Amino acid sequence: MTNWIPACQADDIETEDIIPFEHAGNQYAIYRSADDEFFATDGYCTHERELLCDGLVMGKTIECPKHNGRFEYATGEAQGAPVIENLRTYPVKVDDSDTVHIGIS
């Protein structure tokens, strides 16, 4: 069963940007694409656990600030060395009050 957690307001995230979100001791990253879609992943890079919210968003790619590893944030797919392990993704929904929720199971 998915537990929907309110994370932020839609306006808290600029287009083609990322913000951090912490819940129950876990770090998440929430993204807003150029198409005005929202996505969520684990907040740390799978390579050396660097916070992704300090990274660079380019299209639908997040680049880790430490070793420039890249992930496709919509799918979590690792895009090549030094990252080889995919990033965990989470479902996202936006309600009528523009609150962004992430689904945690």
PDB file of N, CA and C in Angstrom:
ATOM      1  N   MET A   1       0.835  -1.181   0.000  1.00  0.00           N
ATOM      2  CA  MET A   1       0.000   0.000   0.000  1.00  0.00           C
ATOM      3  C   MET A   1       0.884   1.251   0.000  1.00  0.00           C
ATOM      4  N   THR A   2       0.525   2.213  -0.827  1.00  0.00           N
ATOM      5  CA  THR A   2       1.286   3.455  -0.933  1.00  0.00           C
ATOM      6  C   THR A   2       0.816   4.449   0.114  1.00  0.00           C
ATOM      7  N   ASN A   3       1.765   5.016   0.825  1.00  0.00           N
ATOM      8  CA  ASN A   3       1.501   6.049   1.809  1.00  0.00           C
ATOM      9  C   ASN A   3       1.884   7.385   1.167  1.00  0.00           C
ATOM     10  N   TRP A   4       0.903   8.267   0.913  1.00  0.00           N
ATOM     11  CA  TRP A   4       1.167   9.544   0.262  1.00  0.00           C
ATOM     12  C   TRP A   4       1.561  10.589   1.291  1.00  0.00           C
ATOM     13  N   ILE A   5       2.757  11.139   1.139  1.00  0.00           N
ATOM     14  CA  ILE A   5       3.319  12.115   2.073  1.00  0.00           C
ATOM     15  C   ILE A   5       3.356  13.489   1.401  1.00  0.00           C
ATOM     16  N   PRO A   6       2.728  14.516   2.008  1.00  0.00           N
ATOM     17  CA  PRO A   6       2.852  15.856   1.433  1.00  0.00           C
ATOM     18  C   PRO A   6       4.295  16.345   1.577  1.00  0.00           C
ATOM     19  N   ALA A   7       4.874  16.781   0.462  1.00  0.00           N
ATOM     20  CA  ALA A   7       6.291  17.144   0.457  1.00  0.00           C
ATOM     21  C   ALA A   7       6.525  18.641   0.316  1.00  0.00           C
ATOM     22  N   CYS A   8       5.729  19.309  -0.498  1.00  0.00           N
ATOM     23  CA  CYS A   8       5.935  20.729  -0.755  1.00  0.00           C
ATOM     24  C   CYS A   8       4.766  21.251  -1.578  1.00  0.00           C
ATOM     25  N   GLN A   9       4.798  22.529  -1.875  1.00  0.00           N
ATOM     26  CA  GLN A   9       3.847  23.130  -2.807  1.00  0.00           C
ATOM     27  C   GLN A   9       4.486  23.126  -4.192  1.00  0.00           C
ATOM     28  N   ALA A  10       3.687  23.032  -5.217  1.00  0.00           N
ATOM     29  CA  ALA A  10       4.208  23.013  -6.586  1.00  0.00           C
ATOM     30  C   ALA A  10       5.080  24.232  -6.865  1.00  0.00           C
ATOM     31  N   ASP A  11       4.687  25.382  -6.346  1.00  0.00           N
ATOM     32  CA  ASP A  11       5.451  26.609  -6.589  1.00  0.00           C
ATOM     33  C   ASP A  11       6.791  26.648  -5.861  1.00  0.00           C
ATOM     34  N   ASP A  12       7.035  25.704  -4.965  1.00  0.00           N
ATOM     35  CA  ASP A  12       8.320  25.645  -4.258  1.00  0.00           C
ATOM     36  C   ASP A  12       9.457  25.180  -5.163  1.00  0.00           C
ATOM     37  N   ILE A  13       9.110  24.590  -6.307  1.00  0.00           N
ATOM     38  CA  ILE A  13      10.124  24.042  -7.214  1.00  0.00           C
ATOM     39  C   ILE A  13      10.073  24.803  -8.531  1.00  0.00           C
ATOM     40  N   GLU A  14      11.190  25.394  -8.904  1.00  0.00           N
ATOM     41  CA  GLU A  14      11.292  26.069 -10.202  1.00  0.00           C
ATOM     42  C   GLU A  14      11.263  25.018 -11.316  1.00  0.00           C
ATOM     43  N   THR A  15      10.854  25.437 -12.493  1.00  0.00           N
ATOM     44  CA  THR A  15      10.883  24.553 -13.657  1.00  0.00           C
ATOM     45  C   THR A  15      12.316  24.116 -13.918  1.00  0.00           C
ATOM     46  N   GLU A  16      12.487  22.839 -14.226  1.00  0.00           N
ATOM     47  CA  GLU A  16      13.795  22.218 -14.462  1.00  0.00           C
ATOM     48  C   GLU A  16      14.722  22.391 -13.269  1.00  0.00           C
ATOM     49  N   ASP A  17      14.188  22.117 -12.087  1.00  0.00           N
ATOM     50  CA  ASP A  17      14.981  22.235 -10.872  1.00  0.00           C
ATOM     51  C   ASP A  17      14.665  21.073  -9.930  1.00  0.00           C
ATOM     52  N   ILE A  18      15.303  21.099  -8.779  1.00  0.00           N
ATOM     53  CA  ILE A  18      15.232  20.028  -7.794  1.00  0.00           C
ATOM     54  C   ILE A  18      15.238  20.656  -6.403  1.00  0.00           C
ATOM     55  N   ILE A  19      14.502  20.038  -5.475  1.00  0.00           N
ATOM     56  CA  ILE A  19      14.583  20.451  -4.069  1.00  0.00           C
ATOM     57  C   ILE A  19      14.709  19.207  -3.197  1.00  0.00           C
ATOM     58  N   PRO A  20      15.310  19.360  -2.027  1.00  0.00           N
ATOM     59  CA  PRO A  20      15.404  18.222  -1.101  1.00  0.00           C
ATOM     60  C   PRO A  20      14.120  18.106  -0.285  1.00  0.00           C
ATOM     61  N   PHE A  21      13.863  16.898   0.195  1.00  0.00           N
ATOM     62  CA  PHE A  21      12.747  16.640   1.100  1.00  0.00           C
ATOM     63  C   PHE A  21      13.176  15.535   2.045  1.00  0.00           C
ATOM     64  N   GLU A  22      12.982  15.743   3.340  1.00  0.00           N
ATOM     65  CA  GLU A  22      13.337  14.740   4.352  1.00  0.00           C
ATOM     66  C   GLU A  22      12.062  14.271   5.022  1.00  0.00           C
ATOM     67  N   HIS A  23      11.966  12.954   5.205  1.00  0.00           N
ATOM     68  CA  HIS A  23      10.813  12.374   5.895  1.00  0.00           C
ATOM     69  C   HIS A  23      11.271  11.114   6.632  1.00  0.00           C
ATOM     70  N   ALA A  24      10.964  11.057   7.909  1.00  0.00           N
ATOM     71  CA  ALA A  24      11.268   9.881   8.742  1.00  0.00           C
ATOM     72  C   ALA A  24      12.738   9.469   8.639  1.00  0.00           C
ATOM     73  N   GLY A  25      13.626  10.462   8.591  1.00  0.00           N
ATOM     74  CA  GLY A  25      15.053  10.178   8.542  1.00  0.00           C
ATOM     75  C   GLY A  25      15.601   9.819   7.174  1.00  0.00           C
ATOM     76  N   ASN A  26      14.772   9.869   6.142  1.00  0.00           N
ATOM     77  CA  ASN A  26      15.205   9.553   4.777  1.00  0.00           C
ATOM     78  C   ASN A  26      15.216  10.815   3.925  1.00  0.00           C
ATOM     79  N   GLN A  27      16.198  10.897   3.027  1.00  0.00           N
ATOM     80  CA  GLN A  27      16.328  12.028   2.120  1.00  0.00           C
ATOM     81  C   GLN A  27      15.752  11.668   0.755  1.00  0.00           C
ATOM     82  N   TYR A  28      14.987  12.605   0.204  1.00  0.00           N
ATOM     83  CA  TYR A  28      14.395  12.447  -1.121  1.00  0.00           C
ATOM     84  C   TYR A  28      14.734  13.680  -1.943  1.00  0.00           C
ATOM     85  N   ALA A  29      14.611  13.556  -3.251  1.00  0.00           N
ATOM     86  CA  ALA A  29      14.774  14.674  -4.167  1.00  0.00           C
ATOM     87  C   ALA A  29      13.501  14.767  -4.994  1.00  0.00           C
ATOM     88  N   ILE A  30      12.980  15.987  -5.130  1.00  0.00           N
ATOM     89  CA  ILE A  30      11.762  16.209  -5.908  1.00  0.00           C
ATOM     90  C   ILE A  30      12.121  17.135  -7.067  1.00  0.00           C
ATOM     91  N   TYR A  31      11.691  16.752  -8.261  1.00  0.00           N
ATOM     92  CA  TYR A  31      12.054  17.445  -9.491  1.00  0.00           C
ATOM     93  C   TYR A  31      10.808  17.992 -10.178  1.00  0.00           C
ATOM     94  N   ARG A  32      11.002  19.090 -10.926  1.00  0.00           N
ATOM     95  CA  ARG A  32       9.938  19.634 -11.778  1.00  0.00           C
ATOM     96  C   ARG A  32      10.517  19.771 -13.178  1.00  0.00           C
ATOM     97  N   SER A  33       9.919  19.072 -14.117  1.00  0.00           N
ATOM     98  CA  SER A  33      10.444  19.062 -15.483  1.00  0.00           C
ATOM     99  C   SER A  33       9.973  20.285 -16.272  1.00  0.00           C
ATOM    100  N   ALA A  34      10.545  20.464 -17.455  1.00  0.00           N
ATOM    101  CA  ALA A  34      10.151  21.546 -18.351  1.00  0.00           C
ATOM    102  C   ALA A  34       8.699  21.381 -18.790  1.00  0.00           C
ATOM    103  N   ASP A  35       8.195  20.147 -18.750  1.00  0.00           N
ATOM    104  CA  ASP A  35       6.812  19.844 -19.119  1.00  0.00           C
ATOM    105  C   ASP A  35       5.864  20.027 -17.940  1.00  0.00           C
ATOM    106  N   ASP A  36       6.367  20.578 -16.824  1.00  0.00           N
ATOM    107  CA  ASP A  36       5.587  20.827 -15.613  1.00  0.00           C
ATOM    108  C   ASP A  36       5.098  19.530 -14.956  1.00  0.00           C
ATOM    109  N   GLU A  37       5.898  18.471 -15.091  1.00  0.00           N
ATOM    110  CA  GLU A  37       5.632  17.213 -14.400  1.00  0.00           C
ATOM    111  C   GLU A  37       6.542  17.144 -13.178  1.00  0.00           C
ATOM    112  N   PHE A  38       6.102  16.399 -12.170  1.00  0.00           N
ATOM    113  CA  PHE A  38       6.874  16.253 -10.942  1.00  0.00           C
ATOM    114  C   PHE A  38       7.338  14.809 -10.797  1.00  0.00           C
ATOM    115  N   PHE A  39       8.556  14.644 -10.269  1.00  0.00           N
ATOM    116  CA  PHE A  39       9.163  13.332 -10.078  1.00  0.00           C
ATOM    117  C   PHE A  39       9.858  13.314  -8.728  1.00  0.00           C
ATOM    118  N   ALA A  40      10.086  12.117  -8.187  1.00  0.00           N
ATOM    119  CA  ALA A  40      10.799  11.990  -6.915  1.00  0.00           C
ATOM    120  C   ALA A  40      11.726  10.785  -6.968  1.00  0.00           C
ATOM    121  N   THR A  41      12.902  10.955  -6.352  1.00  0.00           N
ATOM    122  CA  THR A  41      13.888   9.877  -6.245  1.00  0.00           C
ATOM    123  C   THR A  41      14.463   9.882  -4.834  1.00  0.00           C
ATOM    124  N   ASP A  42      15.265   8.864  -4.546  1.00  0.00           N
ATOM    125  CA  ASP A  42      16.071   8.933  -3.332  1.00  0.00           C
ATOM    126  C   ASP A  42      16.917  10.197  -3.424  1.00  0.00           C
ATOM    127  N   GLY A  43      17.276  10.745  -2.278  1.00  0.00           N
ATOM    128  CA  GLY A  43      17.998  12.001  -2.254  1.00  0.00           C
ATOM    129  C   GLY A  43      19.501  11.885  -2.407  1.00  0.00           C
ATOM    130  N   TYR A  44      20.024  10.661  -2.308  1.00  0.00           N
ATOM    131  CA  TYR A  44      21.470  10.468  -2.386  1.00  0.00           C
ATOM    132  C   TYR A  44      21.872   9.722  -3.649  1.00  0.00           C
ATOM    133  N   CYS A  45      23.005  10.101  -4.204  1.00  0.00           N
ATOM    134  CA  CYS A  45      23.598   9.382  -5.332  1.00  0.00           C
ATOM    135  C   CYS A  45      23.939   7.966  -4.892  1.00  0.00           C
ATOM    136  N   THR A  46      23.773   7.004  -5.777  1.00  0.00           N
ATOM    137  CA  THR A  46      24.080   5.609  -5.459  1.00  0.00           C
ATOM    138  C   THR A  46      25.575   5.317  -5.479  1.00  0.00           C
ATOM    139  N   HIS A  47      26.375   6.245  -5.940  1.00  0.00           N
ATOM    140  CA  HIS A  47      27.820   6.026  -6.027  1.00  0.00           C
ATOM    141  C   HIS A  47      28.506   6.267  -4.681  1.00  0.00           C
ATOM    142  N   GLU A  48      28.396   7.494  -4.147  1.00  0.00           N
ATOM    143  CA  GLU A  48      29.046   7.784  -2.868  1.00  0.00           C
ATOM    144  C   GLU A  48      28.146   8.601  -1.940  1.00  0.00           C
ATOM    145  N   ARG A  49      26.857   8.430  -2.091  1.00  0.00           N
ATOM    146  CA  ARG A  49      25.852   9.024  -1.210  1.00  0.00           C
ATOM    147  C   ARG A  49      25.957  10.537  -1.070  1.00  0.00           C
ATOM    148  N   GLU A  50      26.264  11.213  -2.131  1.00  0.00           N
ATOM    149  CA  GLU A  50      26.262  12.674  -2.152  1.00  0.00           C
ATOM    150  C   GLU A  50      24.823  13.149  -2.369  1.00  0.00           C
ATOM    151  N   LEU A  51      24.435  14.270  -1.722  1.00  0.00           N
ATOM    152  CA  LEU A  51      23.084  14.796  -1.889  1.00  0.00           C
ATOM    153  C   LEU A  51      22.866  15.282  -3.323  1.00  0.00           C
ATOM    154  N   LEU A  52      21.851  14.746  -3.968  1.00  0.00           N
ATOM    155  CA  LEU A  52      21.561  15.116  -5.346  1.00  0.00           C
ATOM    156  C   LEU A  52      20.976  16.517  -5.472  1.00  0.00           C
ATOM    157  N   CYS A  53      20.366  17.029  -4.401  1.00  0.00           N
ATOM    158  CA  CYS A  53      19.772  18.366  -4.483  1.00  0.00           C
ATOM    159  C   CYS A  53      20.827  19.440  -4.733  1.00  0.00           C
ATOM    160  N   ASP A  54      22.104  19.119  -4.531  1.00  0.00           N
ATOM    161  CA  ASP A  54      23.193  20.047  -4.819  1.00  0.00           C
ATOM    162  C   ASP A  54      23.701  19.888  -6.249  1.00  0.00           C
ATOM    163  N   GLY A  55      23.081  18.980  -6.995  1.00  0.00           N
ATOM    164  CA  GLY A  55      23.515  18.689  -8.359  1.00  0.00           C
ATOM    165  C   GLY A  55      22.868  19.593  -9.392  1.00  0.00           C
ATOM    166  N   LEU A  56      23.123  19.279 -10.642  1.00  0.00           N
ATOM    167  CA  LEU A  56      22.667  20.068 -11.780  1.00  0.00           C
ATOM    168  C   LEU A  56      21.606  19.285 -12.549  1.00  0.00           C
ATOM    169  N   VAL A  57      20.448  19.922 -12.775  1.00  0.00           N
ATOM    170  CA  VAL A  57      19.393  19.330 -13.586  1.00  0.00           C
ATOM    171  C   VAL A  57      19.564  19.817 -15.015  1.00  0.00           C
ATOM    172  N   MET A  58      19.588  18.851 -15.959  1.00  0.00           N
ATOM    173  CA  MET A  58      19.700  19.160 -17.385  1.00  0.00           C
ATOM    174  C   MET A  58      18.663  18.311 -18.101  1.00  0.00           C
ATOM    175  N   GLY A  59      17.597  18.943 -18.568  1.00  0.00           N
ATOM    176  CA  GLY A  59      16.506  18.169 -19.159  1.00  0.00           C
ATOM    177  C   GLY A  59      15.916  17.273 -18.091  1.00  0.00           C
ATOM    178  N   LYS A  60      15.868  15.961 -18.337  1.00  0.00           N
ATOM    179  CA  LYS A  60      15.374  15.009 -17.338  1.00  0.00           C
ATOM    180  C   LYS A  60      16.524  14.221 -16.717  1.00  0.00           C
ATOM    181  N   THR A  61      17.682  14.860 -16.653  1.00  0.00           N
ATOM    182  CA  THR A  61      18.866  14.241 -16.067  1.00  0.00           C
ATOM    183  C   THR A  61      19.305  15.043 -14.846  1.00  0.00           C
ATOM    184  N   ILE A  62      19.697  14.320 -13.794  1.00  0.00           N
ATOM    185  CA  ILE A  62      20.319  14.951 -12.631  1.00  0.00           C
ATOM    186  C   ILE A  62      21.778  14.511 -12.611  1.00  0.00           C
ATOM    187  N   GLU A  63      22.671  15.473 -12.447  1.00  0.00           N
ATOM    188  CA  GLU A  63      24.101  15.194 -12.375  1.00  0.00           C
ATOM    189  C   GLU A  63      24.552  15.378 -10.935  1.00  0.00           C
ATOM    190  N   CYS A  64      25.167  14.349 -10.375  1.00  0.00           N
ATOM    191  CA  CYS A  64      25.676  14.395  -9.009  1.00  0.00           C
ATOM    192  C   CYS A  64      26.789  15.441  -8.910  1.00  0.00           C
ATOM    193  N   PRO A  65      26.783  16.236  -7.836  1.00  0.00           N
ATOM    194  CA  PRO A  65      27.791  17.291  -7.718  1.00  0.00           C
ATOM    195  C   PRO A  65      29.199  16.793  -7.404  1.00  0.00           C
ATOM    196  N   LYS A  66      29.345  15.551  -6.946  1.00  0.00           N
ATOM    197  CA  LYS A  66      30.670  15.091  -6.524  1.00  0.00           C
ATOM    198  C   LYS A  66      31.507  14.525  -7.671  1.00  0.00           C
ATOM    199  N   HIS A  67      30.994  13.533  -8.379  1.00  0.00           N
ATOM    200  CA  HIS A  67      31.773  12.893  -9.439  1.00  0.00           C
ATOM    201  C   HIS A  67      31.085  12.958 -10.804  1.00  0.00           C
ATOM    202  N   ASN A  68      30.060  13.811 -10.911  1.00  0.00           N
ATOM    203  CA  ASN A  68      29.357  14.035 -12.176  1.00  0.00           C
ATOM    204  C   ASN A  68      28.632  12.817 -12.720  1.00  0.00           C
ATOM    205  N   GLY A  69      28.306  11.858 -11.858  1.00  0.00           N
ATOM    206  CA  GLY A  69      27.465  10.744 -12.286  1.00  0.00           C
ATOM    207  C   GLY A  69      26.086  11.268 -12.642  1.00  0.00           C
ATOM    208  N   ARG A  70      25.461  10.659 -13.632  1.00  0.00           N
ATOM    209  CA  ARG A  70      24.159  11.148 -14.109  1.00  0.00           C
ATOM    210  C   ARG A  70      23.097  10.061 -14.043  1.00  0.00           C
ATOM    211  N   PHE A  71      21.889  10.515 -13.742  1.00  0.00           N
ATOM    212  CA  PHE A  71      20.716   9.647 -13.699  1.00  0.00           C
ATOM    213  C   PHE A  71      19.589  10.284 -14.494  1.00  0.00           C
ATOM    214  N   GLU A  72      18.781   9.469 -15.131  1.00  0.00           N
ATOM    215  CA  GLU A  72      17.516   9.897 -15.722  1.00  0.00           C
ATOM    216  C   GLU A  72      16.534   9.918 -14.558  1.00  0.00           C
ATOM    217  N   TYR A  73      16.142  11.082 -14.089  1.00  0.00           N
ATOM    218  CA  TYR A  73      15.368  11.144 -12.848  1.00  0.00           C
ATOM    219  C   TYR A  73      13.948  10.611 -12.963  1.00  0.00           C
ATOM    220  N   ALA A  74      13.381  10.555 -14.161  1.00  0.00           N
ATOM    221  CA  ALA A  74      12.029  10.007 -14.314  1.00  0.00           C
ATOM    222  C   ALA A  74      12.009   8.495 -14.096  1.00  0.00           C
ATOM    223  N   THR A  75      13.096   7.824 -14.479  1.00  0.00           N
ATOM    224  CA  THR A  75      13.159   6.361 -14.371  1.00  0.00           C
ATOM    225  C   THR A  75      14.166   5.886 -13.329  1.00  0.00           C
ATOM    226  N   GLY A  76      15.094   6.758 -12.935  1.00  0.00           N
ATOM    227  CA  GLY A  76      16.158   6.392 -12.009  1.00  0.00           C
ATOM    228  C   GLY A  76      17.338   5.714 -12.671  1.00  0.00           C
ATOM    229  N   GLU A  77      17.296   5.568 -13.989  1.00  0.00           N
ATOM    230  CA  GLU A  77      18.347   4.840 -14.705  1.00  0.00           C
ATOM    231  C   GLU A  77      19.699   5.545 -14.617  1.00  0.00           C
ATOM    232  N   ALA A  78      20.732   4.794 -14.196  1.00  0.00           N
ATOM    233  CA  ALA A  78      22.106   5.290 -14.174  1.00  0.00           C
ATOM    234  C   ALA A  78      22.569   5.473 -15.617  1.00  0.00           C
ATOM    235  N   GLN A  79      23.231   6.592 -15.888  1.00  0.00           N
ATOM    236  CA  GLN A  79      23.628   6.931 -17.257  1.00  0.00           C
ATOM    237  C   GLN A  79      25.095   6.647 -17.561  1.00  0.00           C
ATOM    238  N   GLY A  80      25.782   5.915 -16.687  1.00  0.00           N
ATOM    239  CA  GLY A  80      27.167   5.564 -16.955  1.00  0.00           C
ATOM    240  C   GLY A  80      28.079   5.908 -15.796  1.00  0.00           C
ATOM    241  N   ALA A  81      29.319   5.440 -15.904  1.00  0.00           N
ATOM    242  CA  ALA A  81      30.307   5.589 -14.840  1.00  0.00           C
ATOM    243  C   ALA A  81      30.434   7.042 -14.412  1.00  0.00           C
ATOM    244  N   PRO A  82      30.624   7.288 -13.140  1.00  0.00           N
ATOM    245  CA  PRO A  82      30.915   6.330 -12.088  1.00  0.00           C
ATOM    246  C   PRO A  82      29.678   5.676 -11.463  1.00  0.00           C
ATOM    247  N   VAL A  83      28.465   6.112 -11.849  1.00  0.00           N
ATOM    248  CA  VAL A  83      27.275   5.476 -11.280  1.00  0.00           C
ATOM    249  C   VAL A  83      26.892   4.258 -12.111  1.00  0.00           C
ATOM    250  N   ILE A  84      26.683   3.147 -11.421  1.00  0.00           N
ATOM    251  CA  ILE A  84      26.269   1.929 -12.105  1.00  0.00           C
ATOM    252  C   ILE A  84      24.978   1.357 -11.511  1.00  0.00           C
ATOM    253  N   GLU A  85      24.611   1.849 -10.335  1.00  0.00           N
ATOM    254  CA  GLU A  85      23.387   1.402  -9.679  1.00  0.00           C
ATOM    255  C   GLU A  85      22.295   2.452  -9.899  1.00  0.00           C
ATOM    256  N   ASN A  86      21.133   1.976 -10.355  1.00  0.00           N
ATOM    257  CA  ASN A  86      20.018   2.881 -10.605  1.00  0.00           C
ATOM    258  C   ASN A  86      19.553   3.552  -9.322  1.00  0.00           C
ATOM    259  N   LEU A  87      18.900   4.673  -9.477  1.00  0.00           N
ATOM    260  CA  LEU A  87      18.347   5.467  -8.393  1.00  0.00           C
ATOM    261  C   LEU A  87      16.900   5.030  -8.174  1.00  0.00           C
ATOM    262  N   ARG A  88      16.489   4.882  -6.933  1.00  0.00           N
ATOM    263  CA  ARG A  88      15.106   4.499  -6.642  1.00  0.00           C
ATOM    264  C   ARG A  88      14.186   5.696  -6.900  1.00  0.00           C
ATOM    265  N   THR A  89      13.070   5.441  -7.569  1.00  0.00           N
ATOM    266  CA  THR A  89      12.090   6.479  -7.857  1.00  0.00           C
ATOM    267  C   THR A  89      10.812   6.219  -7.066  1.00  0.00           C
ATOM    268  N   TYR A  90      10.004   7.263  -6.937  1.00  0.00           N
ATOM    269  CA  TYR A  90       8.754   7.197  -6.178  1.00  0.00           C
ATOM    270  C   TYR A  90       7.643   7.861  -6.982  1.00  0.00           C
ATOM    271  N   PRO A  91       6.414   7.356  -6.860  1.00  0.00           N
ATOM    272  CA  PRO A  91       5.307   8.019  -7.551  1.00  0.00           C
ATOM    273  C   PRO A  91       5.034   9.389  -6.934  1.00  0.00           C
ATOM    274  N   VAL A  92       4.526  10.285  -7.754  1.00  0.00           N
ATOM    275  CA  VAL A  92       4.220  11.647  -7.315  1.00  0.00           C
ATOM    276  C   VAL A  92       2.825  12.014  -7.806  1.00  0.00           C
ATOM    277  N   LYS A  93       2.104  12.743  -6.960  1.00  0.00           N
ATOM    278  CA  LYS A  93       0.823  13.308  -7.397  1.00  0.00           C
ATOM    279  C   LYS A  93       0.710  14.716  -6.825  1.00  0.00           C
ATOM    280  N   VAL A  94      -0.039  15.549  -7.549  1.00  0.00           N
ATOM    281  CA  VAL A  94      -0.295  16.920  -7.118  1.00  0.00           C
ATOM    282  C   VAL A  94      -1.793  17.042  -6.911  1.00  0.00           C
ATOM    283  N   ASP A  95      -2.212  17.487  -5.730  1.00  0.00           N
ATOM    284  CA  ASP A  95      -3.639  17.579  -5.436  1.00  0.00           C
ATOM    285  C   ASP A  95      -4.214  18.927  -5.877  1.00  0.00           C
ATOM    286  N   ASP A  96      -5.500  19.127  -5.639  1.00  0.00           N
ATOM    287  CA  ASP A  96      -6.188  20.343  -6.076  1.00  0.00           C
ATOM    288  C   ASP A  96      -5.650  21.619  -5.436  1.00  0.00           C
ATOM    289  N   SER A  97      -4.990  21.496  -4.287  1.00  0.00           N
ATOM    290  CA  SER A  97      -4.407  22.676  -3.636  1.00  0.00           C
ATOM    291  C   SER A  97      -2.945  22.876  -4.037  1.00  0.00           C
ATOM    292  N   ASP A  98      -2.502  22.174  -5.086  1.00  0.00           N
ATOM    293  CA  ASP A  98      -1.126  22.239  -5.604  1.00  0.00           C
ATOM    294  C   ASP A  98      -0.085  21.731  -4.624  1.00  0.00           C
ATOM    295  N   THR A  99      -0.482  20.847  -3.710  1.00  0.00           N
ATOM    296  CA  THR A  99       0.480  20.190  -2.830  1.00  0.00           C
ATOM    297  C   THR A  99       1.048  18.977  -3.555  1.00  0.00           C
ATOM    298  N   VAL A 100       2.357  18.871  -3.560  1.00  0.00           N
ATOM    299  CA  VAL A 100       3.057  17.747  -4.180  1.00  0.00           C
ATOM    300  C   VAL A 100       3.203  16.655  -3.127  1.00  0.00           C
ATOM    301  N   HIS A 101       2.744  15.445  -3.441  1.00  0.00           N
ATOM    302  CA  HIS A 101       2.835  14.300  -2.542  1.00  0.00           C
ATOM    303  C   HIS A 101       3.735  13.250  -3.178  1.00  0.00           C
ATOM    304  N   ILE A 102       4.571  12.591  -2.379  1.00  0.00           N
ATOM    305  CA  ILE A 102       5.315  11.446  -2.887  1.00  0.00           C
ATOM    306  C   ILE A 102       4.791  10.179  -2.243  1.00  0.00           C
ATOM    307  N   GLY A 103       4.778   9.107  -3.013  1.00  0.00           N
ATOM    308  CA  GLY A 103       4.266   7.832  -2.540  1.00  0.00           C
ATOM    309  C   GLY A 103       5.381   6.966  -1.992  1.00  0.00           C
ATOM    310  N   ILE A 104       5.271   6.659  -0.717  1.00  0.00           N
ATOM    311  CA  ILE A 104       6.270   5.823  -0.065  1.00  0.00           C
ATOM    312  C   ILE A 104       5.569   4.554   0.413  1.00  0.00           C
ATOM    313  N   SER A 105       6.107   3.402   0.035  1.00  0.00           N
ATOM    314  CA  SER A 105       5.470   2.152   0.468  1.00  0.00           C
ATOM    315  C   SER A 105       6.224   1.491   1.588  1.00  0.00           C
TER     316      SER A 105
END
